[in-house]
All heavy atoms as atom14 arrays in JSON, in Angstrom:
{
  "sequence": "LLFKAFLLAYLGPVTYIDQHAKLEAGGLVEQAGAWLLRPDAAT",
  "atom14_mask": [
    [1, 1, 1, 1, 1, 1, 1, 1, 0, 0, 0, 0, 0, 0],
    [1, 1, 1, 1, 1, 1, 1, 1, 0, 0, 0, 0, 0, 0],
    [1, 1, 1, 1, 1, 1, 1, 1, 1, 1, 1, 0, 0, 0],
    [1, 1, 1, 1, 1, 1, 1, 1, 1, 0, 0, 0, 0, 0],
    [1, 1, 1, 1, 1, 0, 0, 0, 0, 0, 0, 0, 0, 0],
    [1, 1, 1, 1, 1, 1, 1, 1, 1, 1, 1, 0, 0, 0],
    [1, 1, 1, 1, 1, 1, 1, 1, 0, 0, 0, 0, 0, 0],
    [1, 1, 1, 1, 1, 1, 1, 1, 0, 0, 0, 0, 0, 0],
    [1, 1, 1, 1, 1, 0, 0, 0, 0, 0, 0, 0, 0, 0],
    [1, 1, 1, 1, 1, 1, 1, 1, 1, 1, 1, 1, 0, 0],
    [1, 1, 1, 1, 1, 1, 1, 1, 0, 0, 0, 0, 0, 0],
    [1, 1, 1, 1, 0, 0, 0, 0, 0, 0, 0, 0, 0, 0],
    [1, 1, 1, 1, 1, 1, 1, 0, 0, 0, 0, 0, 0, 0],
    [1, 1, 1, 1, 1, 1, 1, 0, 0, 0, 0, 0, 0, 0],
    [1, 1, 1, 1, 1, 1, 1, 0, 0, 0, 0, 0, 0, 0],
    [1, 1, 1, 1, 1, 1, 1, 1, 1, 1, 1, 1, 0, 0],
    [1, 1, 1, 1, 1, 1, 1, 1, 0, 0, 0, 0, 0, 0],
    [1, 1, 1, 1, 1, 1, 1, 1, 0, 0, 0, 0, 0, 0],
    [1, 1, 1, 1, 1, 1, 1, 1, 1, 0, 0, 0, 0, 0],
    [1, 1, 1, 1, 1, 1, 1, 1, 1, 1, 0, 0, 0, 0],
    [1, 1, 1, 1, 1, 0, 0, 0, 0, 0, 0, 0, 0, 0],
    [1, 1, 1, 1, 1, 1, 1, 1, 1, 0, 0, 0, 0, 0],
    [1, 1, 1, 1, 1, 1, 1, 1, 0, 0, 0, 0, 0, 0],
    [1, 1, 1, 1, 1, 1, 1, 1, 1, 0, 0, 0, 0, 0],
    [1, 1, 1, 1, 1, 0, 0, 0, 0, 0, 0, 0, 0, 0],
    [1, 1, 1, 1, 0, 0, 0, 0, 0, 0, 0, 0, 0, 0],
    [1, 1, 1, 1, 0, 0, 0, 0, 0, 0, 0, 0, 0, 0],
    [1, 1, 1, 1, 1, 1, 1, 1, 0, 0, 0, 0, 0, 0],
    [1, 1, 1, 1, 1, 1, 1, 0, 0, 0, 0, 0, 0, 0],
    [1, 1, 1, 1, 1, 1, 1, 1, 1, 0, 0, 0, 0, 0],
    [1, 1, 1, 1, 1, 1, 1, 1, 1, 0, 0, 0, 0, 0],
    [1, 1, 1, 1, 1, 0, 0, 0, 0, 0, 0, 0, 0, 0],
    [1, 1, 1, 1, 0, 0, 0, 0, 0, 0, 0, 0, 0, 0],
    [1, 1, 1, 1, 1, 0, 0, 0, 0, 0, 0, 0, 0, 0],
    [1, 1, 1, 1, 1, 1, 1, 1, 1, 1, 1, 1, 1, 1],
    [1, 1, 1, 1, 1, 1, 1, 1, 0, 0, 0, 0, 0, 0],
    [1, 1, 1, 1, 1, 1, 1, 1, 0, 0, 0, 0, 0, 0],
    [1, 1, 1, 1, 1, 1, 1, 1, 1, 1, 1, 0, 0, 0],
    [1, 1, 1, 1, 1, 1, 1, 0, 0, 0, 0, 0, 0, 0],
    [1, 1, 1, 1, 1, 1, 1, 1, 0, 0, 0, 0, 0, 0],
    [1, 1, 1, 1, 1, 0, 0, 0, 0, 0, 0, 0, 0, 0],
    [1, 1, 1, 1, 1, 0, 0, 0, 0, 0, 0, 0, 0, 0],
    [1, 1, 1, 1, 1, 1, 1, 0, 0, 0, 0, 0, 0, 0]
  ],
  "atom14_positions": [
    [[-2.54, -6.15, -9.61], [-1.46, -6.8, -8.89], [-0.1, -6.32, -9.39], [0.8, -6.04, -8.6], [-1.57, -8.32, -9.02], [-0.58, -9.15, -8.23], [-0.83, -8.99, -6.74], [-0.69, -10.6, -8.63], [0.0, 0.0, 0.0], [0.0, 0.0, 0.0], [0.0, 0.0, 0.0], [0.0, 0.0, 0.0], [0.0, 0.0, 0.0], [0.0, 0.0, 0.0]],
    [[0.04, -6.18, -10.71], [1.3, -5.66, -11.27], [1.52, -4.21, -10.87], [2.66, -3.79, -10.62], [1.3, -5.81, -12.79], [1.49, -7.23, -13.3], [1.28, -7.28, -14.81], [2.87, -7.75, -12.93], [0.0, 0.0, 0.0], [0.0, 0.0, 0.0], [0.0, 0.0, 0.0], [0.0, 0.0, 0.0], [0.0, 0.0, 0.0], [0.0, 0.0, 0.0]],
    [[0.45, -3.42, -10.78], [0.57, -2.03, -10.35], [1.08, -1.97, -8.91], [1.98, -1.19, -8.6], [-0.78, -1.32, -10.47], [-0.8, 0.02, -9.81], [-0.15, 1.09, -10.38], [-1.47, 0.2, -8.61], [-0.16, 2.34, -9.77], [-1.49, 1.44, -7.99], [-0.83, 2.51, -8.58], [0.0, 0.0, 0.0], [0.0, 0.0, 0.0], [0.0, 0.0, 0.0]],
    [[0.51, -2.8, -8.03], [0.96, -2.82, -6.64], [2.43, -3.23, -6.56], [3.21, -2.64, -5.81], [0.12, -3.81, -5.82], [-1.23, -3.31, -5.46], [-2.08, -4.22, -4.6], [-1.49, -5.45, -4.03], [-2.4, -6.21, -3.16], [0.0, 0.0, 0.0], [0.0, 0.0, 0.0], [0.0, 0.0, 0.0], [0.0, 0.0, 0.0], [0.0, 0.0, 0.0]],
    [[2.81, -4.24, -7.35], [4.2, -4.71, -7.32], [5.14, -3.62, -7.84], [6.22, -3.4, -7.28], [4.34, -5.97, -8.16], [0.0, 0.0, 0.0], [0.0, 0.0, 0.0], [0.0, 0.0, 0.0], [0.0, 0.0, 0.0], [0.0, 0.0, 0.0], [0.0, 0.0, 0.0], [0.0, 0.0, 0.0], [0.0, 0.0, 0.0], [0.0, 0.0, 0.0]],
    [[4.75, -2.92, -8.9], [5.58, -1.85, -9.43], [5.71, -0.73, -8.39], [6.81, -0.18, -8.19], [4.98, -1.3, -10.72], [5.69, -0.07, -11.22], [6.91, -0.18, -11.88], [5.16, 1.18, -11.02], [7.57, 0.94, -12.33], [5.82, 2.31, -11.46], [7.03, 2.19, -12.12], [0.0, 0.0, 0.0], [0.0, 0.0, 0.0], [0.0, 0.0, 0.0]],
    [[4.62, -0.39, -7.74], [4.65, 0.66, -6.72], [5.58, 0.28, -5.57], [6.37, 1.11, -5.11], [3.23, 0.9, -6.21], [2.92, 2.22, -5.57], [3.19, 3.36, -6.53], [1.47, 2.24, -5.13], [0.0, 0.0, 0.0], [0.0, 0.0, 0.0], [0.0, 0.0, 0.0], [0.0, 0.0, 0.0], [0.0, 0.0, 0.0], [0.0, 0.0, 0.0]],
    [[5.51, -0.97, -5.13], [6.38, -1.43, -4.05], [7.85, -1.43, -4.49], [8.73, -1.03, -3.74], [5.96, -2.83, -3.6], [6.74, -3.45, -2.45], [6.67, -2.58, -1.21], [6.21, -4.83, -2.15], [0.0, 0.0, 0.0], [0.0, 0.0, 0.0], [0.0, 0.0, 0.0], [0.0, 0.0, 0.0], [0.0, 0.0, 0.0], [0.0, 0.0, 0.0]],
    [[8.11, -1.83, -5.74], [9.49, -1.84, -6.24], [10.01, -0.42, -6.41], [11.19, -0.14, -6.15], [9.57, -2.6, -7.56], [0.0, 0.0, 0.0], [0.0, 0.0, 0.0], [0.0, 0.0, 0.0], [0.0, 0.0, 0.0], [0.0, 0.0, 0.0], [0.0, 0.0, 0.0], [0.0, 0.0, 0.0], [0.0, 0.0, 0.0], [0.0, 0.0, 0.0]],
    [[9.16, 0.5, -6.83], [9.59, 1.88, -7.09], [9.84, 2.64, -5.78], [10.84, 3.33, -5.63], [8.54, 2.59, -7.93], [8.87, 4.03, -8.24], [9.84, 4.34, -9.17], [8.22, 5.07, -7.59], [10.17, 5.66, -9.46], [8.52, 6.38, -7.86], [9.5, 6.67, -8.8], [9.82, 7.97, -9.07], [0.0, 0.0, 0.0], [0.0, 0.0, 0.0]],
    [[8.91, 2.51, -4.84], [9.03, 3.27, -3.59], [9.99, 2.61, -2.6], [10.57, 3.3, -1.76], [7.65, 3.4, -2.92], [6.61, 4.25, -3.65], [5.29, 4.18, -2.91], [7.09, 5.67, -3.8], [0.0, 0.0, 0.0], [0.0, 0.0, 0.0], [0.0, 0.0, 0.0], [0.0, 0.0, 0.0], [0.0, 0.0, 0.0], [0.0, 0.0, 0.0]],
    [[10.1, 1.31, -2.67], [10.88, 0.59, -1.67], [9.99, 0.17, -0.52], [8.96, 0.81, -0.26], [0.0, 0.0, 0.0], [0.0, 0.0, 0.0], [0.0, 0.0, 0.0], [0.0, 0.0, 0.0], [0.0, 0.0, 0.0], [0.0, 0.0, 0.0], [0.0, 0.0, 0.0], [0.0, 0.0, 0.0], [0.0, 0.0, 0.0], [0.0, 0.0, 0.0]],
    [[10.38, -0.87, 0.19], [9.48, -1.39, 1.23], [9.23, -0.43, 2.38], [8.11, -0.34, 2.89], [10.18, -2.66, 1.72], [11.46, -2.75, 1.01], [11.54, -1.68, -0.02], [0.0, 0.0, 0.0], [0.0, 0.0, 0.0], [0.0, 0.0, 0.0], [0.0, 0.0, 0.0], [0.0, 0.0, 0.0], [0.0, 0.0, 0.0], [0.0, 0.0, 0.0]],
    [[10.23, 0.33, 2.77], [10.06, 1.23, 3.93], [9.07, 2.34, 3.6], [8.13, 2.61, 4.36], [11.43, 1.8, 4.36], [11.25, 2.83, 5.46], [12.36, 0.69, 4.78], [0.0, 0.0, 0.0], [0.0, 0.0, 0.0], [0.0, 0.0, 0.0], [0.0, 0.0, 0.0], [0.0, 0.0, 0.0], [0.0, 0.0, 0.0], [0.0, 0.0, 0.0]],
    [[9.27, 3.0, 2.47], [8.37, 4.09, 2.07], [6.97, 3.57, 1.8], [5.98, 4.22, 2.15], [8.93, 4.8, 0.81], [10.27, 5.16, 1.05], [8.12, 6.02, 0.46], [0.0, 0.0, 0.0], [0.0, 0.0, 0.0], [0.0, 0.0, 0.0], [0.0, 0.0, 0.0], [0.0, 0.0, 0.0], [0.0, 0.0, 0.0], [0.0, 0.0, 0.0]],
    [[6.87, 2.39, 1.16], [5.56, 1.82, 0.86], [4.78, 1.54, 2.15], [3.6, 1.89, 2.25], [5.72, 0.53, 0.05], [4.43, -0.03, -0.48], [3.9, 0.43, -1.68], [3.71, -1.0, 0.21], [2.72, -0.07, -2.18], [2.53, -1.5, -0.27], [2.04, -1.03, -1.47], [0.86, -1.53, -1.96], [0.0, 0.0, 0.0], [0.0, 0.0, 0.0]],
    [[5.44, 0.93, 3.13], [4.78, 0.63, 4.41], [4.4, 1.92, 5.13], [3.33, 2.01, 5.74], [5.67, -0.27, 5.3], [5.91, -1.62, 4.62], [5.08, -0.46, 6.68], [4.66, -2.42, 4.39], [0.0, 0.0, 0.0], [0.0, 0.0, 0.0], [0.0, 0.0, 0.0], [0.0, 0.0, 0.0], [0.0, 0.0, 0.0], [0.0, 0.0, 0.0]],
    [[5.26, 2.93, 5.06], [4.96, 4.22, 5.69], [3.72, 4.85, 5.07], [2.82, 5.32, 5.78], [6.17, 5.15, 5.56], [5.95, 6.47, 6.26], [5.42, 6.45, 7.39], [6.31, 7.52, 5.67], [0.0, 0.0, 0.0], [0.0, 0.0, 0.0], [0.0, 0.0, 0.0], [0.0, 0.0, 0.0], [0.0, 0.0, 0.0], [0.0, 0.0, 0.0]],
    [[3.65, 4.85, 3.74], [2.48, 5.41, 3.05], [1.23, 4.57, 3.33], [0.13, 5.09, 3.45], [2.74, 5.49, 1.54], [3.85, 6.45, 1.16], [3.51, 7.88, 1.53], [2.37, 8.33, 1.43], [4.52, 8.61, 2.01], [0.0, 0.0, 0.0], [0.0, 0.0, 0.0], [0.0, 0.0, 0.0], [0.0, 0.0, 0.0], [0.0, 0.0, 0.0]],
    [[1.41, 3.26, 3.42], [0.29, 2.38, 3.71], [-0.26, 2.65, 5.11], [-1.49, 2.65, 5.32], [0.75, 0.92, 3.59], [-0.37, -0.06, 3.67], [-0.72, -0.66, 4.85], [-1.22, -0.52, 2.74], [-1.74, -1.46, 4.64], [-2.07, -1.4, 3.36], [0.0, 0.0, 0.0], [0.0, 0.0, 0.0], [0.0, 0.0, 0.0], [0.0, 0.0, 0.0]],
    [[0.63, 2.93, 6.07], [0.18, 3.26, 7.43], [-0.6, 4.56, 7.44], [-1.59, 4.7, 8.18], [1.39, 3.35, 8.37], [0.0, 0.0, 0.0], [0.0, 0.0, 0.0], [0.0, 0.0, 0.0], [0.0, 0.0, 0.0], [0.0, 0.0, 0.0], [0.0, 0.0, 0.0], [0.0, 0.0, 0.0], [0.0, 0.0, 0.0], [0.0, 0.0, 0.0]],
    [[-0.18, 5.53, 6.62], [-0.92, 6.8, 6.54], [-2.32, 6.57, 5.97], [-3.29, 7.19, 6.41], [-0.17, 7.8, 5.66], [1.08, 8.36, 6.3], [1.77, 9.32, 5.37], [3.09, 9.8, 5.94], [3.81, 10.68, 5.0], [0.0, 0.0, 0.0], [0.0, 0.0, 0.0], [0.0, 0.0, 0.0], [0.0, 0.0, 0.0], [0.0, 0.0, 0.0]],
    [[-2.43, 5.67, 4.99], [-3.75, 5.36, 4.44], [-4.63, 4.68, 5.47], [-5.83, 4.97, 5.56], [-3.62, 4.46, 3.2], [-3.26, 5.12, 1.89], [-3.09, 4.07, 0.81], [-4.31, 6.12, 1.48], [0.0, 0.0, 0.0], [0.0, 0.0, 0.0], [0.0, 0.0, 0.0], [0.0, 0.0, 0.0], [0.0, 0.0, 0.0], [0.0, 0.0, 0.0]],
    [[-4.05, 3.77, 6.25], [-4.84, 3.06, 7.26], [-5.36, 4.0, 8.34], [-6.41, 3.75, 8.92], [-4.01, 1.96, 7.91], [-3.83, 0.75, 7.05], [-2.99, -0.32, 7.71], [-2.1, 0.04, 8.52], [-3.24, -1.5, 7.42], [0.0, 0.0, 0.0], [0.0, 0.0, 0.0], [0.0, 0.0, 0.0], [0.0, 0.0, 0.0], [0.0, 0.0, 0.0]],
    [[-4.65, 5.09, 8.58], [-5.07, 6.04, 9.61], [-6.1, 7.04, 9.09], [-6.65, 7.81, 9.86], [-3.85, 6.8, 10.13], [0.0, 0.0, 0.0], [0.0, 0.0, 0.0], [0.0, 0.0, 0.0], [0.0, 0.0, 0.0], [0.0, 0.0, 0.0], [0.0, 0.0, 0.0], [0.0, 0.0, 0.0], [0.0, 0.0, 0.0], [0.0, 0.0, 0.0]],
    [[-6.38, 7.02, 7.8], [-7.29, 7.99, 7.2], [-8.75, 7.62, 7.37], [-9.13, 6.8, 8.21], [0.0, 0.0, 0.0], [0.0, 0.0, 0.0], [0.0, 0.0, 0.0], [0.0, 0.0, 0.0], [0.0, 0.0, 0.0], [0.0, 0.0, 0.0], [0.0, 0.0, 0.0], [0.0, 0.0, 0.0], [0.0, 0.0, 0.0], [0.0, 0.0, 0.0]],
    [[-9.55, 8.22, 6.52], [-11.0, 8.0, 6.56], [-11.38, 6.65, 5.99], [-10.54, 5.79, 5.7], [0.0, 0.0, 0.0], [0.0, 0.0, 0.0], [0.0, 0.0, 0.0], [0.0, 0.0, 0.0], [0.0, 0.0, 0.0], [0.0, 0.0, 0.0], [0.0, 0.0, 0.0], [0.0, 0.0, 0.0], [0.0, 0.0, 0.0], [0.0, 0.0, 0.0]],
    [[-12.68, 6.47, 5.78], [-13.2, 5.19, 5.33], [-12.7, 4.83, 3.92], [-12.31, 3.68, 3.68], [-14.73, 5.23, 5.35], [-15.44, 3.92, 5.04], [-15.11, 2.91, 6.13], [-16.92, 4.14, 4.95], [0.0, 0.0, 0.0], [0.0, 0.0, 0.0], [0.0, 0.0, 0.0], [0.0, 0.0, 0.0], [0.0, 0.0, 0.0], [0.0, 0.0, 0.0]],
    [[-12.68, 5.79, 3.03], [-12.22, 5.54, 1.66], [-10.74, 5.22, 1.65], [-10.28, 4.3, 0.95], [-12.54, 6.75, 0.74], [-11.95, 6.55, -0.63], [-14.03, 6.97, 0.66], [0.0, 0.0, 0.0], [0.0, 0.0, 0.0], [0.0, 0.0, 0.0], [0.0, 0.0, 0.0], [0.0, 0.0, 0.0], [0.0, 0.0, 0.0], [0.0, 0.0, 0.0]],
    [[-9.97, 5.95, 2.47], [-8.53, 5.68, 2.53], [-8.25, 4.32, 3.16], [-7.33, 3.61, 2.75], [-7.83, 6.79, 3.31], [-7.79, 8.09, 2.52], [-7.88, 9.31, 3.4], [-8.34, 9.15, 4.56], [-7.51, 10.38, 2.96], [0.0, 0.0, 0.0], [0.0, 0.0, 0.0], [0.0, 0.0, 0.0], [0.0, 0.0, 0.0], [0.0, 0.0, 0.0]],
    [[-9.05, 3.93, 4.12], [-8.89, 2.61, 4.72], [-9.21, 1.5, 3.72], [-8.56, 0.46, 3.7], [-9.77, 2.46, 5.96], [-9.28, 3.28, 7.13], [-10.22, 3.21, 8.32], [-11.25, 2.54, 8.28], [-9.87, 3.91, 9.39], [0.0, 0.0, 0.0], [0.0, 0.0, 0.0], [0.0, 0.0, 0.0], [0.0, 0.0, 0.0], [0.0, 0.0, 0.0]],
    [[-10.21, 1.76, 2.88], [-10.52, 0.78, 1.83], [-9.36, 0.69, 0.84], [-9.0, -0.4, 0.39], [-11.81, 1.18, 1.11], [0.0, 0.0, 0.0], [0.0, 0.0, 0.0], [0.0, 0.0, 0.0], [0.0, 0.0, 0.0], [0.0, 0.0, 0.0], [0.0, 0.0, 0.0], [0.0, 0.0, 0.0], [0.0, 0.0, 0.0], [0.0, 0.0, 0.0]],
    [[-8.77, 1.84, 0.49], [-7.6, 1.83, -0.38], [-6.43, 1.12, 0.26], [-5.69, 0.39, -0.41], [0.0, 0.0, 0.0], [0.0, 0.0, 0.0], [0.0, 0.0, 0.0], [0.0, 0.0, 0.0], [0.0, 0.0, 0.0], [0.0, 0.0, 0.0], [0.0, 0.0, 0.0], [0.0, 0.0, 0.0], [0.0, 0.0, 0.0], [0.0, 0.0, 0.0]],
    [[-6.25, 1.3, 1.57], [-5.17, 0.61, 2.28], [-5.4, -0.9, 2.27], [-4.46, -1.67, 2.12], [-5.08, 1.12, 3.71], [0.0, 0.0, 0.0], [0.0, 0.0, 0.0], [0.0, 0.0, 0.0], [0.0, 0.0, 0.0], [0.0, 0.0, 0.0], [0.0, 0.0, 0.0], [0.0, 0.0, 0.0], [0.0, 0.0, 0.0], [0.0, 0.0, 0.0]],
    [[-6.66, -1.3, 2.41], [-6.97, -2.73, 2.38], [-6.64, -3.32, 1.01], [-6.09, -4.42, 0.92], [-8.44, -2.95, 2.73], [-8.79, -4.4, 2.82], [-8.58, -5.23, 3.87], [-9.42, -5.17, 1.81], [-9.03, -6.48, 3.57], [-9.55, -6.48, 2.31], [-9.88, -4.9, 0.52], [-10.12, -7.51, 1.57], [-10.44, -5.92, -0.22], [-10.57, -7.22, 0.31]],
    [[-6.96, -2.58, -0.06], [-6.66, -3.07, -1.41], [-5.16, -3.07, -1.69], [-4.66, -3.94, -2.4], [-7.37, -2.2, -2.45], [-8.88, -2.36, -2.56], [-9.45, -1.31, -3.49], [-9.22, -3.76, -3.05], [0.0, 0.0, 0.0], [0.0, 0.0, 0.0], [0.0, 0.0, 0.0], [0.0, 0.0, 0.0], [0.0, 0.0, 0.0], [0.0, 0.0, 0.0]],
    [[-4.44, -2.1, -1.15], [-3.02, -1.94, -1.46], [-2.09, -2.63, -0.45], [-0.87, -2.45, -0.53], [-2.67, -0.45, -1.56], [-3.26, 0.27, -2.75], [-3.02, 1.76, -2.64], [-2.68, -0.26, -4.04], [0.0, 0.0, 0.0], [0.0, 0.0, 0.0], [0.0, 0.0, 0.0], [0.0, 0.0, 0.0], [0.0, 0.0, 0.0], [0.0, 0.0, 0.0]],
    [[-2.64, -3.39, 0.48], [-1.77, -4.04, 1.45], [-0.83, -5.01, 0.71], [-1.23, -5.68, -0.24], [-2.59, -4.76, 2.51], [-3.33, -5.96, 2.03], [-4.23, -6.51, 3.14], [-4.84, -7.75, 2.73], [-5.91, -7.85, 1.97], [-6.5, -6.76, 1.53], [-6.39, -9.03, 1.64], [0.0, 0.0, 0.0], [0.0, 0.0, 0.0], [0.0, 0.0, 0.0]],
    [[0.42, -5.08, 1.16], [1.38, -5.94, 0.47], [1.16, -7.42, 0.81], [1.35, -7.84, 1.94], [2.74, -5.45, 1.0], [2.44, -4.79, 2.28], [1.04, -4.29, 2.21], [0.0, 0.0, 0.0], [0.0, 0.0, 0.0], [0.0, 0.0, 0.0], [0.0, 0.0, 0.0], [0.0, 0.0, 0.0], [0.0, 0.0, 0.0], [0.0, 0.0, 0.0]],
    [[0.73, -8.17, -0.18], [0.55, -9.61, 0.02], [1.76, -10.35, -0.56], [2.7, -9.74, -1.07], [-0.76, -10.09, -0.61], [-0.91, -9.64, -2.05], [0.05, -9.07, -2.59], [-1.98, -9.88, -2.64], [0.0, 0.0, 0.0], [0.0, 0.0, 0.0], [0.0, 0.0, 0.0], [0.0, 0.0, 0.0], [0.0, 0.0, 0.0], [0.0, 0.0, 0.0]],
    [[1.75, -11.67, -0.47], [2.9, -12.47, -0.89], [3.18, -12.32, -2.39], [4.34, -12.2, -2.81], [2.66, -13.93, -0.55], [0.0, 0.0, 0.0], [0.0, 0.0, 0.0], [0.0, 0.0, 0.0], [0.0, 0.0, 0.0], [0.0, 0.0, 0.0], [0.0, 0.0, 0.0], [0.0, 0.0, 0.0], [0.0, 0.0, 0.0], [0.0, 0.0, 0.0]],
    [[2.12, -12.3, -3.2], [2.31, -12.17, -4.65], [2.89, -10.81, -5.0], [3.76, -10.69, -5.88], [0.99, -12.39, -5.37], [0.0, 0.0, 0.0], [0.0, 0.0, 0.0], [0.0, 0.0, 0.0], [0.0, 0.0, 0.0], [0.0, 0.0, 0.0], [0.0, 0.0, 0.0], [0.0, 0.0, 0.0], [0.0, 0.0, 0.0], [0.0, 0.0, 0.0]],
    [[2.45, -9.77, -4.33], [2.96, -8.42, -4.59], [4.43, -8.32, -4.22], [5.23, -7.76, -4.98], [2.15, -7.38, -3.78], [0.77, -7.52, -4.1], [2.6, -5.98, -4.1], [0.0, 0.0, 0.0], [0.0, 0.0, 0.0], [0.0, 0.0, 0.0], [0.0, 0.0, 0.0], [0.0, 0.0, 0.0], [0.0, 0.0, 0.0], [0.0, 0.0, 0.0]]
  ]
}
């Protein structure tokens, strides 16, 4: 959770969402990674 929060703070919300959209459009493993890295309230 801290890693996700650091990544979101470092990249910024726009870049993070853009990269997250690229992961969601990828293969099965990338979609699983996108599901894990989705920005939730705690993040």
